[in-house]
Protein backbone atom coordinates (compact mmCIF):
# COMPACT_ATOMS: atom_id res chain seq x y z
CA MET A 1 70.38 94.93 78.21
CA GLY A 2 71.32 96.19 81.65
CA ALA A 3 74.68 97.93 81.44
CA ARG A 4 74.85 97.74 77.67
CA VAL A 5 72.52 100.66 76.87
CA THR A 6 73.26 104.27 75.98
CA ASP A 7 73.14 107.06 78.53
CA GLN A 8 69.71 108.14 79.74
CA ASP A 9 69.65 111.40 77.81
CA GLY A 10 69.52 109.32 74.66
CA ALA A 11 72.47 111.19 73.21
CA GLY A 12 74.12 107.88 72.42
CA ALA A 13 77.16 108.41 74.62
CA GLY A 14 77.98 104.75 74.12
CA PRO A 15 77.66 101.73 76.35
CA ARG A 16 77.92 102.08 80.08
CA TYR A 17 80.16 99.92 82.20
CA LEU A 18 79.01 97.93 85.16
CA PRO A 19 81.06 98.86 88.24
CA ILE A 20 83.84 96.39 89.05
CA ALA A 21 81.96 95.14 92.13
CA GLU A 22 78.86 94.26 90.09
CA HIS A 23 80.42 90.96 89.04
CA GLY A 24 80.66 87.37 90.19
CA LEU A 25 83.39 84.87 89.45
CA ILE A 26 83.29 81.35 88.04
CA GLY A 27 86.24 79.17 87.04
CA ASP A 28 87.74 75.72 86.48
CA LEU A 29 91.21 76.08 88.11
CA ARG A 30 92.66 77.07 84.73
CA SER A 31 90.86 80.29 83.94
CA VAL A 32 87.90 82.33 85.16
CA ALA A 33 85.02 84.37 83.80
CA LEU A 34 83.47 87.49 85.33
CA VAL A 35 79.68 87.54 85.10
CA GLY A 36 77.92 90.89 85.55
CA THR A 37 74.75 91.32 87.58
CA ASP A 38 72.99 91.95 84.25
CA GLY A 39 73.89 88.44 83.03
CA THR A 40 76.74 89.48 80.73
CA ILE A 41 80.12 87.75 80.79
CA ASP A 42 82.54 90.58 80.10
CA TRP A 43 85.87 89.00 81.07
CA TYR A 44 87.14 85.58 80.01
CA CYS A 45 90.57 84.40 78.91
CA CYS A 46 90.83 81.01 77.22
CA PRO A 47 92.37 78.54 77.94
CA ALA A 48 94.31 79.97 80.90
CA PHE A 49 94.40 82.97 83.26
CA ASP A 50 97.14 84.75 81.30
CA ALA A 51 95.94 83.84 77.80
CA PRO A 52 94.65 86.71 75.62
CA SER A 53 91.03 87.58 76.33
CA VAL A 54 88.02 86.32 74.38
CA PHE A 55 85.56 88.56 76.27
CA ALA A 56 86.96 91.84 77.59
CA ALA A 57 84.03 94.28 77.61
CA ILE A 58 85.05 95.22 81.16
CA LEU A 59 88.10 96.89 79.55
CA ASP A 60 86.38 98.18 76.41
CA ALA A 61 82.62 97.98 76.08
CA GLU A 62 82.75 98.45 72.29
CA ARG A 63 85.77 96.41 71.23
CA GLY A 64 86.34 93.92 74.07
CA GLY A 65 83.70 91.29 73.30
CA CYS A 66 81.06 89.80 75.60
CA PHE A 67 78.48 87.04 76.10
CA GLU A 68 75.11 88.64 76.87
CA LEU A 69 72.32 86.47 78.29
CA ALA A 70 69.32 88.08 80.00
CA ALA A 71 65.58 88.56 80.03
CA SER A 72 64.62 90.64 77.00
CA VAL A 73 61.98 92.57 78.98
CA PRO A 74 62.61 94.96 81.90
CA ALA A 75 63.79 92.99 84.92
CA ARG A 76 65.26 93.41 88.38
CA THR A 77 68.21 91.11 89.03
CA LYS A 78 69.77 89.40 92.00
CA GLN A 79 73.03 87.46 91.96
CA PHE A 80 74.19 84.83 94.43
CA TYR A 81 76.26 81.67 94.69
CA PHE A 82 74.70 78.25 95.01
CA PRO A 83 75.58 77.60 98.69
CA ASP A 84 79.14 76.43 99.37
CA THR A 85 80.11 76.39 95.67
CA ASN A 86 81.51 78.52 92.86
CA VAL A 87 78.33 78.02 90.81
CA LEU A 88 76.86 81.47 90.18
CA ILE A 89 73.16 82.25 89.77
CA THR A 90 71.80 85.47 88.27
CA ARG A 91 68.04 85.75 88.83
CA PHE A 92 65.72 87.90 86.73
CA PHE A 93 62.43 89.20 88.17
CA THR A 94 59.99 90.36 85.48
CA GLU A 95 56.31 91.27 85.45
CA ASP A 96 55.40 87.88 84.01
CA GLY A 97 57.72 85.56 85.89
CA VAL A 98 61.06 84.68 87.47
CA GLY A 99 63.98 83.15 85.61
CA GLU A 100 67.63 82.49 86.32
CA VAL A 101 70.94 81.92 84.59
CA GLN A 102 73.18 79.33 86.22
CA ASP A 103 76.84 79.89 85.28
CA PHE A 104 79.63 77.43 85.98
CA MET A 105 82.75 75.83 84.54
CA PRO A 106 83.15 72.07 85.12
CA VAL A 107 86.42 71.30 86.90
CA ALA A 108 88.64 68.86 84.99
CA GLY A 109 89.31 65.51 86.59
CA GLY A 110 87.36 62.36 87.27
CA ASP A 111 85.33 61.56 84.18
CA VAL A 112 85.43 65.11 82.81
CA GLU A 113 87.71 65.49 79.79
CA VAL A 114 90.84 67.31 80.93
CA GLU A 115 91.40 69.15 77.66
CA ARG A 116 87.84 70.42 77.16
CA HIS A 117 87.62 73.97 78.57
CA ARG A 118 83.90 74.41 78.92
CA LEU A 119 81.76 77.29 80.13
CA ILE A 120 78.11 76.36 80.69
CA ARG A 121 75.20 78.80 80.96
CA ARG A 122 71.91 77.15 81.89
CA VAL A 123 68.74 79.29 81.72
CA VAL A 124 65.74 78.16 83.73
CA CYS A 125 62.25 79.66 83.96
CA VAL A 126 61.25 79.26 87.59
CA ARG A 127 57.76 80.85 87.46
CA GLY A 128 55.47 82.25 84.78
CA SER A 129 57.04 82.79 81.36
CA ILE A 130 59.94 84.98 80.25
CA PRO A 131 61.46 85.92 76.89
CA PHE A 132 65.28 85.78 76.84
CA ARG A 133 67.89 87.10 74.46
CA THR A 134 71.53 86.18 74.02
CA ARG A 135 74.37 87.61 71.97
CA VAL A 136 77.74 85.90 71.86
CA ALA A 137 80.42 88.28 70.61
CA PRO A 138 83.96 86.96 71.08
CA ARG A 139 86.83 89.30 70.24
CA PHE A 140 90.00 87.24 70.11
CA ALA A 141 93.46 88.29 71.34
CA TYR A 142 92.23 91.33 73.29
CA GLY A 143 90.15 92.34 70.27
CA THR A 144 93.07 92.43 67.82
CA ARG A 145 92.46 89.26 65.80
CA PRO A 146 89.62 88.81 63.27
CA HIS A 147 87.63 85.60 63.30
CA ALA A 148 85.29 83.63 61.06
CA VAL A 149 81.95 82.38 62.30
CA ARG A 150 80.08 79.33 60.99
CA VAL A 151 76.55 78.54 62.19
CA GLU A 152 74.74 75.27 61.59
CA GLY A 153 71.44 75.10 63.45
CA ASP A 154 72.27 75.04 67.14
CA VAL A 155 76.07 74.98 66.76
CA ALA A 156 78.29 77.97 66.01
CA VAL A 157 82.06 77.83 65.59
CA PHE A 158 84.18 80.97 66.02
CA ALA A 159 87.63 80.41 64.52
CA THR A 160 90.79 82.50 64.50
CA ASP A 161 94.51 81.69 64.24
CA GLY A 162 95.43 79.31 67.04
CA LEU A 163 92.07 79.21 68.81
CA SER A 164 88.56 78.02 67.99
CA LEU A 165 85.51 78.15 70.20
CA ALA A 166 82.30 76.22 69.63
CA LEU A 167 79.00 77.45 71.00
CA THR A 168 76.33 74.78 71.28
CA ALA A 169 72.78 75.57 72.31
CA THR A 170 69.43 73.89 72.85
CA VAL A 171 67.73 76.75 70.95
CA PRO A 172 68.35 77.81 67.31
CA LEU A 173 71.22 80.26 66.76
CA GLU A 174 71.42 82.88 64.04
CA PRO A 175 74.54 84.64 62.71
CA TRP A 176 74.69 88.38 63.29
CA GLY A 177 77.78 89.83 61.63
CA GLN A 178 80.78 88.52 63.56
CA ASP A 179 78.48 87.43 66.37
CA VAL A 180 75.71 84.95 67.05
CA ARG A 181 72.36 85.68 68.65
CA ALA A 182 69.20 83.95 69.76
CA ASP A 183 65.76 84.99 71.01
CA PHE A 184 63.70 82.42 72.86
CA LYS A 185 60.88 82.19 75.38
CA LEU A 186 60.70 79.81 78.33
CA SER A 187 57.69 78.84 80.41
CA GLU A 188 57.69 77.56 83.97
CA GLY A 189 59.89 74.47 84.32
CA GLU A 190 61.54 74.87 80.90
CA SER A 191 65.27 75.42 80.41
CA ALA A 192 67.82 76.20 77.72
CA VAL A 193 71.54 75.44 77.73
CA PHE A 194 74.48 77.26 76.13
CA ALA A 195 77.95 75.70 76.27
CA LEU A 196 81.12 77.39 75.04
CA ASP A 197 84.01 74.97 74.42
CA GLN A 198 87.56 75.41 73.24
CA VAL A 199 87.80 73.05 70.25
CA GLY A 200 90.53 71.80 67.96
CA GLY A 201 92.76 68.75 67.73
CA ASP A 202 91.00 65.85 69.44
CA VAL A 203 88.33 68.09 70.96
CA GLN A 204 85.39 68.45 68.59
CA PRO A 205 82.23 70.53 69.09
CA ARG A 206 79.90 68.53 71.29
CA ARG A 207 76.34 69.46 72.05
CA CYS A 208 75.53 69.95 75.71
CA ALA A 209 72.05 68.47 76.06
CA LYS A 210 69.86 69.43 79.01
CA VAL A 211 70.52 66.08 80.69
CA GLU A 212 74.28 66.48 80.29
CA ALA A 213 74.10 70.07 81.61
CA GLU A 214 72.25 68.76 84.66
CA GLU A 215 74.98 66.17 85.22
CA HIS A 216 77.72 68.80 84.85
CA PHE A 217 75.86 71.08 87.27
CA ASN A 218 75.53 68.36 89.92
CA ARG A 219 79.12 67.23 89.47
CA THR A 220 80.43 70.80 89.77
CA VAL A 221 78.35 71.44 92.91
CA THR A 222 79.63 68.18 94.40
CA TYR A 223 83.24 69.06 93.55
CA TRP A 224 83.12 72.45 95.35
CA ARG A 225 81.21 71.16 98.36
CA ARG A 226 83.57 68.24 98.80
CA TRP A 227 86.56 70.57 98.57
CA LEU A 228 85.12 73.04 101.09
CA SER A 229 84.16 70.28 103.54
CA ALA A 230 87.88 69.93 104.42
CA SER A 231 87.83 73.39 106.05
CA LYS A 232 88.56 73.42 109.77
CA TYR A 233 87.08 76.89 110.31
CA ARG A 234 84.09 76.83 112.68
CA GLY A 235 84.16 80.47 113.77
CA ARG A 236 81.72 83.38 113.73
CA TRP A 237 82.30 84.52 110.15
CA ARG A 238 82.00 81.17 108.42
CA GLU A 239 80.20 82.41 105.33
CA MET A 240 82.75 85.17 104.56
CA VAL A 241 85.76 82.99 105.40
CA HIS A 242 84.49 80.14 103.24
CA ARG A 243 83.69 82.48 100.34
CA SER A 244 87.27 83.80 100.62
CA ALA A 245 88.62 80.23 100.61
CA LEU A 246 86.53 79.31 97.54
CA THR A 247 87.82 82.46 95.82
CA LEU A 248 91.46 81.66 96.60
CA LYS A 249 90.92 78.16 95.23
CA LEU A 250 89.56 79.68 91.98
CA LEU A 251 92.83 81.63 91.68
CA THR A 252 94.93 78.45 91.65
CA TYR A 253 96.17 77.06 88.34
CA ALA A 254 95.83 73.29 88.75
CA PRO A 255 98.33 72.14 86.08
CA SER A 256 101.30 73.81 87.83
CA GLY A 257 100.19 74.63 91.39
CA ALA A 258 100.58 78.37 90.68
CA ILE A 259 98.38 80.91 92.51
CA VAL A 260 97.63 84.18 90.68
CA ALA A 261 97.38 87.53 92.47
CA ALA A 262 94.11 88.31 90.65
CA PRO A 263 92.47 86.99 87.48
CA THR A 264 92.21 90.37 85.71
CA THR A 265 94.42 93.04 84.18
CA SER A 266 94.24 96.84 84.23
CA LEU A 267 91.14 97.34 86.34
CA PRO A 268 91.96 100.83 87.63
CA GLU A 269 93.05 101.66 91.17
CA GLN A 270 91.63 105.10 90.40
CA LEU A 271 89.13 105.88 87.61
CA GLY A 272 90.96 107.94 85.00
CA GLY A 273 94.34 107.25 86.64
CA GLU A 274 97.36 105.35 85.31
CA ARG A 275 97.64 102.79 88.15
CA ASN A 276 96.44 99.88 86.02
CA TRP A 277 98.44 96.64 86.21
CA ASP A 278 98.31 93.04 85.01
CA TYR A 279 97.90 90.75 88.03
CA ARG A 280 97.43 87.38 86.25
CA TYR A 281 100.79 86.09 87.47
CA VAL A 282 102.31 84.36 90.48
CA TRP A 283 103.68 86.91 92.93
CA VAL A 284 105.96 84.99 95.28
CA ARG A 285 104.69 87.13 98.18
CA ASP A 286 100.96 86.86 97.46
CA ALA A 287 101.11 83.13 96.73
CA ALA A 288 103.16 82.45 99.88
CA PHE A 289 100.61 84.35 102.00
CA CYS A 290 97.85 82.33 100.27
CA VAL A 291 99.57 79.14 101.35
CA TYR A 292 99.51 80.42 104.94
CA ALA A 293 95.77 81.21 104.77
CA LEU A 294 94.86 77.87 103.17
CA LEU A 295 97.03 75.91 105.64
CA ARG A 296 95.26 77.76 108.47
CA LEU A 297 91.96 76.34 107.21
CA GLY A 298 93.35 72.84 106.69
CA PHE A 299 93.83 72.84 102.91
CA SER A 300 97.26 71.23 102.61
CA ASP A 301 96.92 69.95 99.01
CA GLU A 302 97.07 73.50 97.61
CA ALA A 303 100.10 74.24 99.78
CA GLU A 304 101.82 71.09 98.54
CA ALA A 305 101.05 71.98 94.90
CA PHE A 306 102.55 75.45 95.37
CA MET A 307 105.65 73.98 97.05
CA LYS A 308 106.10 71.78 93.98
CA PHE A 309 105.75 74.88 91.76
CA VAL A 310 108.45 76.59 93.85
CA THR A 311 110.78 73.58 93.67
CA ARG A 312 110.25 73.15 89.93
CA HIS A 313 110.46 76.75 88.76
CA ILE A 314 112.26 78.82 91.37
CA SER A 315 115.89 77.76 91.46
CA PRO A 316 118.16 79.73 93.79
CA GLY A 317 121.44 80.89 92.36
CA ASP A 318 120.78 81.75 88.74
CA GLY A 319 122.49 85.07 89.44
CA ARG A 320 119.91 87.65 88.26
CA PRO A 321 120.35 91.27 89.34
CA SER A 322 117.02 90.93 91.19
CA GLY A 323 118.52 88.11 93.27
CA PRO A 324 117.92 84.36 93.10
CA LEU A 325 114.15 84.90 93.11
CA GLN A 326 112.15 86.94 90.63
CA ILE A 327 109.26 88.70 92.41
CA MET A 328 106.73 87.12 90.04
CA TYR A 329 106.49 84.29 87.52
CA GLY A 330 104.09 83.17 84.82
CA ILE A 331 101.61 80.47 85.79
CA ASP A 332 103.85 78.02 83.92
CA GLY A 333 106.96 79.29 85.75
CA ARG A 334 108.22 81.48 82.88
CA THR A 335 110.25 84.54 83.81
CA ASP A 336 109.71 86.81 80.79
CA LEU A 337 106.68 88.99 81.59
CA THR A 338 107.43 91.91 79.25
CA GLU A 339 104.95 94.75 79.79
CA THR A 340 103.12 96.20 76.78
CA VAL A 341 100.23 98.66 76.42
CA LEU A 342 97.14 97.78 74.37
CA ASP A 343 96.44 101.19 72.87
CA HIS A 344 93.31 100.08 71.01
CA LEU A 345 91.37 99.41 74.25
CA GLU A 346 89.91 102.40 76.08
CA GLY A 347 90.17 100.83 79.55
CA HIS A 348 87.47 100.32 82.18
CA GLN A 349 85.24 103.41 82.08
CA GLY A 350 87.85 105.08 79.90
CA SER A 351 90.73 104.41 82.32
CA ALA A 352 93.67 103.75 80.01
CA PRO A 353 96.29 102.39 79.74
CA VAL A 354 95.42 98.69 79.45
CA ARG A 355 98.60 96.75 80.21
CA VAL A 356 99.57 93.14 79.50
CA GLY A 357 102.67 91.76 81.20
CA ASN A 358 104.30 93.44 84.19
CA ALA A 359 107.55 95.43 84.21
CA ALA A 360 107.76 95.12 87.99
CA ALA A 361 108.97 91.54 87.41
CA ASP A 362 112.51 92.96 87.15
CA GLN A 363 112.35 94.85 90.45
CA LEU A 364 114.32 93.96 93.56
CA GLN A 365 111.90 93.30 96.43
CA LEU A 366 113.73 91.79 99.35
CA ASP A 367 110.58 91.05 101.37
CA ILE A 368 109.65 88.09 99.14
CA TYR A 369 112.35 85.95 100.76
CA GLY A 370 110.65 86.26 104.14
CA ALA A 371 107.19 85.56 102.73
CA LEU A 372 108.39 82.44 100.91
CA ILE A 373 110.52 80.99 103.71
CA ASP A 374 107.78 81.68 106.26
CA SER A 375 105.32 79.69 104.12
CA ILE A 376 107.87 76.85 103.77
CA TYR A 377 108.35 76.91 107.56
CA LEU A 378 104.58 76.67 108.14
CA TYR A 379 104.20 73.95 105.53
CA ASP A 380 107.01 71.97 107.17
CA LYS A 381 105.32 72.43 110.56
CA TRP A 382 101.63 71.97 109.71
CA ALA A 383 101.53 69.86 106.53
CA LYS A 384 104.57 67.67 105.95
CA PRO A 385 108.35 67.92 106.40
CA ILE A 386 110.23 69.41 103.46
CA SER A 387 112.74 67.26 101.59
CA SER A 388 116.53 67.46 101.83
CA ASP A 389 116.68 69.09 98.37
CA GLN A 390 114.15 71.70 99.44
CA TRP A 391 116.19 72.40 102.57
CA ASP A 392 119.29 72.91 100.40
CA ASP A 393 117.31 75.51 98.40
CA VAL A 394 116.20 77.23 101.62
CA CYS A 395 119.82 77.37 102.82
CA ALA A 396 120.94 78.91 99.52
CA LEU A 397 118.22 81.58 99.80
CA VAL A 398 119.04 82.36 103.43
CA ASP A 399 122.77 82.62 102.66
CA TRP A 400 121.90 85.07 99.88
CA VAL A 401 119.69 87.12 102.23
CA CYS A 402 122.51 87.24 104.83
CA ALA A 403 124.79 88.70 102.17
CA HIS A 404 122.32 91.11 100.51
CA TRP A 405 119.67 92.33 103.02
CA ASP A 406 121.50 95.62 103.47
CA GLN A 407 120.60 97.30 100.17
CA PRO A 408 117.81 99.56 98.94
CA ASP A 409 114.97 97.98 96.95
CA GLU A 410 111.61 98.84 95.41
CA GLY A 411 109.66 97.43 98.35
CA ILE A 412 106.35 95.61 98.75
CA TRP A 413 104.31 98.32 97.01
CA GLU A 414 106.40 98.15 93.83
CA THR A 415 106.97 101.88 93.75
CA ARG A 416 108.38 103.24 90.54
CA GLY A 417 109.96 106.19 92.31
CA GLY A 418 113.40 104.75 93.05
CA ARG A 419 114.87 102.32 95.57
CA LYS A 420 114.91 103.01 99.29
CA ASN A 421 115.88 101.23 102.51
CA PHE A 422 112.33 100.11 103.29
CA LEU A 423 111.64 98.91 106.81
CA TYR A 424 109.24 96.20 105.58
CA SER A 425 111.94 94.72 103.33
CA ARG A 426 114.34 94.56 106.28
CA LEU A 427 111.63 93.06 108.48
CA MET A 428 110.94 90.22 106.03
CA CYS A 429 114.66 89.52 105.60
CA TRP A 430 114.71 89.05 109.39
CA VAL A 431 111.70 86.68 109.02
CA ALA A 432 113.50 84.67 106.31
CA ILE A 433 116.53 84.04 108.52
CA GLU A 434 114.59 83.60 111.77
CA ARG A 435 112.19 80.98 110.33
CA ALA A 436 115.05 79.06 108.75
CA ILE A 437 116.85 78.98 112.12
CA ARG A 438 113.65 77.61 113.72
CA MET A 439 113.40 74.88 111.08
CA ALA A 440 117.06 73.92 111.47
CA ASN A 441 116.72 73.74 115.26
CA ARG A 442 113.43 71.86 115.28
CA ARG A 443 114.55 69.21 112.82
CA GLY A 444 118.28 69.20 113.51
CA LEU A 445 119.04 70.22 109.92
CA PRO A 446 122.54 71.36 108.86
CA ALA A 447 122.95 75.13 108.68
CA ASP A 448 125.49 77.91 109.14
CA LEU A 449 123.73 78.93 112.36
CA PRO A 450 126.41 81.31 113.75
CA ARG A 451 126.33 83.39 110.53
CA TRP A 452 122.52 83.27 110.32
CA ARG A 453 122.11 84.37 113.94
CA GLU A 454 124.57 87.23 113.51
CA SER A 455 122.73 88.52 110.41
CA ARG A 456 119.32 88.13 112.06
CA ASP A 457 120.43 90.10 115.12
CA THR A 458 122.11 92.80 113.04
CA ILE A 459 118.88 93.34 111.07
CA TYR A 460 116.90 93.52 114.33
CA ARG A 461 119.18 96.22 115.75
CA ARG A 462 119.14 98.14 112.47
CA ILE A 463 115.32 98.24 112.36
CA MET A 464 115.04 99.25 116.03
CA THR A 465 117.48 102.14 115.59
CA ARG A 466 117.11 103.45 112.02
CA GLY A 467 113.51 102.33 111.40
CA TRP A 468 112.28 104.25 114.45
CA SER A 469 111.47 107.96 114.26
CA GLU A 470 111.79 109.88 117.55
CA SER A 471 109.86 112.81 116.13
CA ARG A 472 106.94 110.64 114.98
CA GLN A 473 107.21 108.19 117.90
CA ALA A 474 106.62 105.48 115.33
CA PHE A 475 108.31 102.96 113.08
CA VAL A 476 108.39 104.48 109.61
CA GLU A 477 108.40 103.51 105.93
CA HIS A 478 112.13 103.67 105.28
CA GLU A 479 115.32 104.24 107.22
CA ASP A 480 116.06 107.72 108.56
CA GLY A 481 112.69 109.02 107.29
CA ASP A 482 109.48 110.10 108.98
CA VAL A 483 106.83 108.86 106.53
CA LEU A 484 104.31 106.30 107.77
CA ASP A 485 103.52 103.08 105.90
CA ALA A 486 100.82 100.50 106.68
CA ALA A 487 103.26 97.68 105.82
CA VAL A 488 104.79 98.09 109.31
CA LEU A 489 101.54 96.53 110.63
CA MET A 490 103.32 93.24 109.88
CA MET A 491 105.87 93.85 112.67
CA PRO A 492 103.83 92.20 115.45
CA LEU A 493 102.10 89.79 113.03
CA SER A 494 105.49 88.37 112.01
CA LYS A 495 106.52 88.09 115.70
CA PHE A 496 109.30 90.65 115.28
CA ILE A 497 108.06 92.86 118.11
CA ALA A 498 105.77 92.20 121.07
CA PRO A 499 102.28 93.47 120.15
CA THR A 500 102.12 95.35 123.47
CA ASP A 501 105.63 96.91 123.24
CA PRO A 502 105.28 100.66 124.00
CA LYS A 503 107.08 101.52 120.75
CA TRP A 504 104.62 99.38 118.82
CA LEU A 505 101.52 100.77 120.57
CA SER A 506 102.77 104.27 119.81
CA THR A 507 103.23 103.27 116.15
CA LEU A 508 99.71 101.81 116.04
CA ASP A 509 98.32 105.11 117.37
CA ALA A 510 100.27 107.09 114.74
CA LEU A 511 99.01 104.85 111.93
CA THR A 512 95.45 105.14 113.26
CA SER A 513 95.52 108.94 113.25
CA GLU A 514 97.21 109.33 109.85
CA LEU A 515 96.40 106.37 107.57
CA VAL A 516 93.08 105.05 108.92
CA SER A 517 89.74 106.41 107.73
CA ASP A 518 86.71 104.89 109.49
CA SER A 519 88.56 101.56 109.93
CA LEU A 520 89.80 101.56 106.30
CA VAL A 521 93.57 101.83 105.88
CA TYR A 522 95.66 103.64 103.25
CA ARG A 523 98.98 101.93 102.55
CA TYR A 524 100.87 105.26 102.45
CA ASP A 525 100.34 108.87 101.43
CA PRO A 526 101.65 109.38 97.85
CA ALA A 527 102.00 113.12 98.56
CA ALA A 528 104.38 112.45 101.46
CA SER A 529 106.09 109.48 99.82
CA PRO A 530 106.15 109.94 96.01
CA ASP A 531 105.90 106.61 94.19
CA GLY A 532 106.66 107.77 90.65
CA LEU A 533 103.02 107.65 89.52
CA ARG A 534 100.32 110.26 89.01
CA GLY A 535 97.01 110.28 90.86
CA ASP A 536 95.63 109.08 94.18
CA GLU A 537 94.50 105.71 95.32
CA GLY A 538 91.90 104.26 97.64
CA THR A 539 92.32 102.44 100.93
CA PHE A 540 94.20 99.18 100.56
CA SER A 541 92.05 96.28 101.71
CA ILE A 542 94.82 93.92 102.83
CA CYS A 543 96.09 96.70 105.11
CA SER A 544 92.61 97.10 106.62
CA PHE A 545 92.64 93.42 107.63
CA TRP A 546 96.26 93.66 108.87
CA TYR A 547 95.09 96.57 111.03
CA VAL A 548 92.36 94.38 112.53
CA GLU A 549 94.92 91.70 113.35
CA ALA A 550 97.40 94.16 114.83
CA MET A 551 94.67 95.51 117.13
CA VAL A 552 93.68 91.99 118.18
CA HIS A 553 97.28 91.25 119.18
CA ALA A 554 97.53 94.59 120.99
CA GLY A 555 94.55 93.60 123.12
CA ARG A 556 92.16 96.12 121.54
CA VAL A 557 89.69 93.38 120.70
CA ASP A 558 86.46 95.42 120.70
CA GLU A 559 87.96 98.01 118.34
CA ALA A 560 89.32 95.18 116.17
CA ARG A 561 85.92 93.52 115.94
CA LEU A 562 84.22 96.79 114.97
CA ALA A 563 86.85 97.47 112.28
CA PHE A 564 86.49 93.90 110.96
CA GLU A 565 82.68 94.04 110.85
CA LYS A 566 82.84 97.41 109.06
CA MET A 567 85.30 96.02 106.54
CA LEU A 568 82.93 93.14 105.79
CA THR A 569 80.24 95.65 104.75
CA TYR A 570 82.51 96.87 101.92
CA ALA A 571 82.53 93.46 100.20
CA ASN A 572 80.36 93.19 97.10
CA HIS A 573 77.01 91.39 97.07
CA LEU A 574 78.81 88.02 96.85
CA GLY A 575 81.46 88.65 99.50
CA LEU A 576 84.20 89.48 96.97
CA TYR A 577 86.84 92.23 97.19
CA ALA A 578 88.97 94.09 94.69
CA GLU A 579 92.33 95.48 95.75
CA GLU A 580 91.18 98.87 97.05
CA ILE A 581 88.11 100.81 98.20
CA SER A 582 87.63 104.31 96.75
CA HIS A 583 86.75 107.53 98.59
CA THR A 584 83.11 106.86 97.63
CA GLY A 585 83.16 103.24 98.85
CA GLU A 586 83.48 101.61 95.41
CA GLN A 587 85.71 98.60 94.72
CA GLN A 588 88.82 99.57 92.74
CA GLY A 589 91.69 97.65 91.15
CA ASN A 590 91.94 94.08 89.93
CA PHE A 591 89.15 91.79 91.05
CA PRO A 592 88.90 89.67 93.03
CA GLN A 593 92.18 90.11 94.83
CA ALA A 594 93.88 87.13 96.51
CA PHE A 595 95.74 89.44 98.93
CA THR A 596 92.49 90.79 100.41
CA HIS A 597 90.79 87.42 100.79
CA LEU A 598 93.77 85.73 102.46
CA ALA A 599 94.05 88.65 104.91
CA LEU A 600 90.33 88.36 105.71
CA ILE A 601 90.81 84.67 106.57
CA SER A 602 93.77 85.42 108.85
CA ALA A 603 92.00 88.34 110.59
CA ALA A 604 88.84 86.27 111.18
CA PHE A 605 90.89 83.39 112.55
CA ASN A 606 92.80 85.57 115.03
CA LEU A 607 89.77 87.63 116.05
CA ASP A 608 87.79 84.45 116.74
CA LYS A 609 90.62 83.14 118.88
CA ALA A 610 90.73 86.37 120.91
CA LEU A 611 86.95 86.42 121.40
CA GLY A 612 87.07 82.82 122.65
């Protein structure tokens, strides 16, 4: 079935993997599933983003587990979203007809049971007649935990310690070892429904009849369309911007207001390399930038939910070596994200290691203070004024930044090659203090303004002297060095430097000649700036959109538009992006990546404004 066959020489080299980009995303604001263009779900964690996987064939085609559902005769496929929704359709074109699988996860709320995590797959024969086949093969706890399976007619229950899933179907199911399978044929106008529910406690297996599936489908479509209708974006790239917004919304965890960096772990930044990380957590930086992008479009509820997450879980002054903020948190606000390697999984296309947890949680990254306080500033300005308690927290953070900005850290790219005096970290410390001063002045809030202003100005002078390289005629990655880094693209975007300042234009030219490849931008050169890891990486998609924005502000609008339009052609068939783009144009890294989609929204917004 599609990607799940042996190599063409018939030598039985084992299952192939679909490329990362050959997937779509569905979700219910608690977890997501990745659905391949061949109709197979090969990533799903239940009941939450960071729970152990149930289907993880994307990380190990043999041991990971999957939910196959496809035409059982040769077919061409096409995958698309039902317009303005996160309902995914995979269409099968065969010699005898056309059929489609409609995949979605009902969003809790209203009259949908909150505790029932449900994944619905509805198969419809549109024309002619088509035979279909399904195989449901869960592998609990990343494939480490055995399970029992019990089948009674059209209901199958997969049970393991601590988690049970019930599969209900409108066609008969048959046990097949640890798995369940079904073969069935549909004629024009006929449909079949498969529903996978987390069961246990008060939630019992419940059949999902065709009528109920239709109701769920309509309700889910209505939910997404109603949500998207609040968007204020009316620009030229509406489809891409709205797909990015829908994707960011899928990466929010409704119970806590958390926003994850990506819903996957260990998808490789380079095939065969070791740059594989778990991104199913709340990076303060990424989430804060998300808030900015969503506020831009008029979605203030998500911003408010994240502000509540920050207030509830991020308390300044608990005296950790990494400062009052940890760089990332669990979706429930937990701080222990111990990193372990799952040696039994071979990794995507053999790219081990597969990691769970993230050791970078203990790093010092000073830039997060600027990202967070900037998002609070924008929320206070565009959504609603922050409370007195929140202002006290901001003051505590700014006081800490004034006392600690002048120290080396691991930086935005989480290098594992030792701490340095990164320019970007200094820049965002300046942003933290500068935005807090603006808030205090605008609202007349109490603050130690003389101290704040002195620190802000000292950082400014320090960047302008020691962050500038005479020999390169550019602002550089770290103090007293001469290595370039795409993170400095944020200098004009954060209003630190005028976008037409001669020093900035010279920096933009240097970045263009050294880190830009046909409008795609590398974040840095690992050969020139060792990061403690083996291997190369692709161009970094957030940097490509930052580059567009920097050129817009510099008045190079035609070049910016060309770079933006080129970048759009690297999205997958659904408009989704992973973290990086490889030398051969493939999507690499965890998928889809919040960072990339929020930067797309910002670049489109600013480019539209410049084009008038």
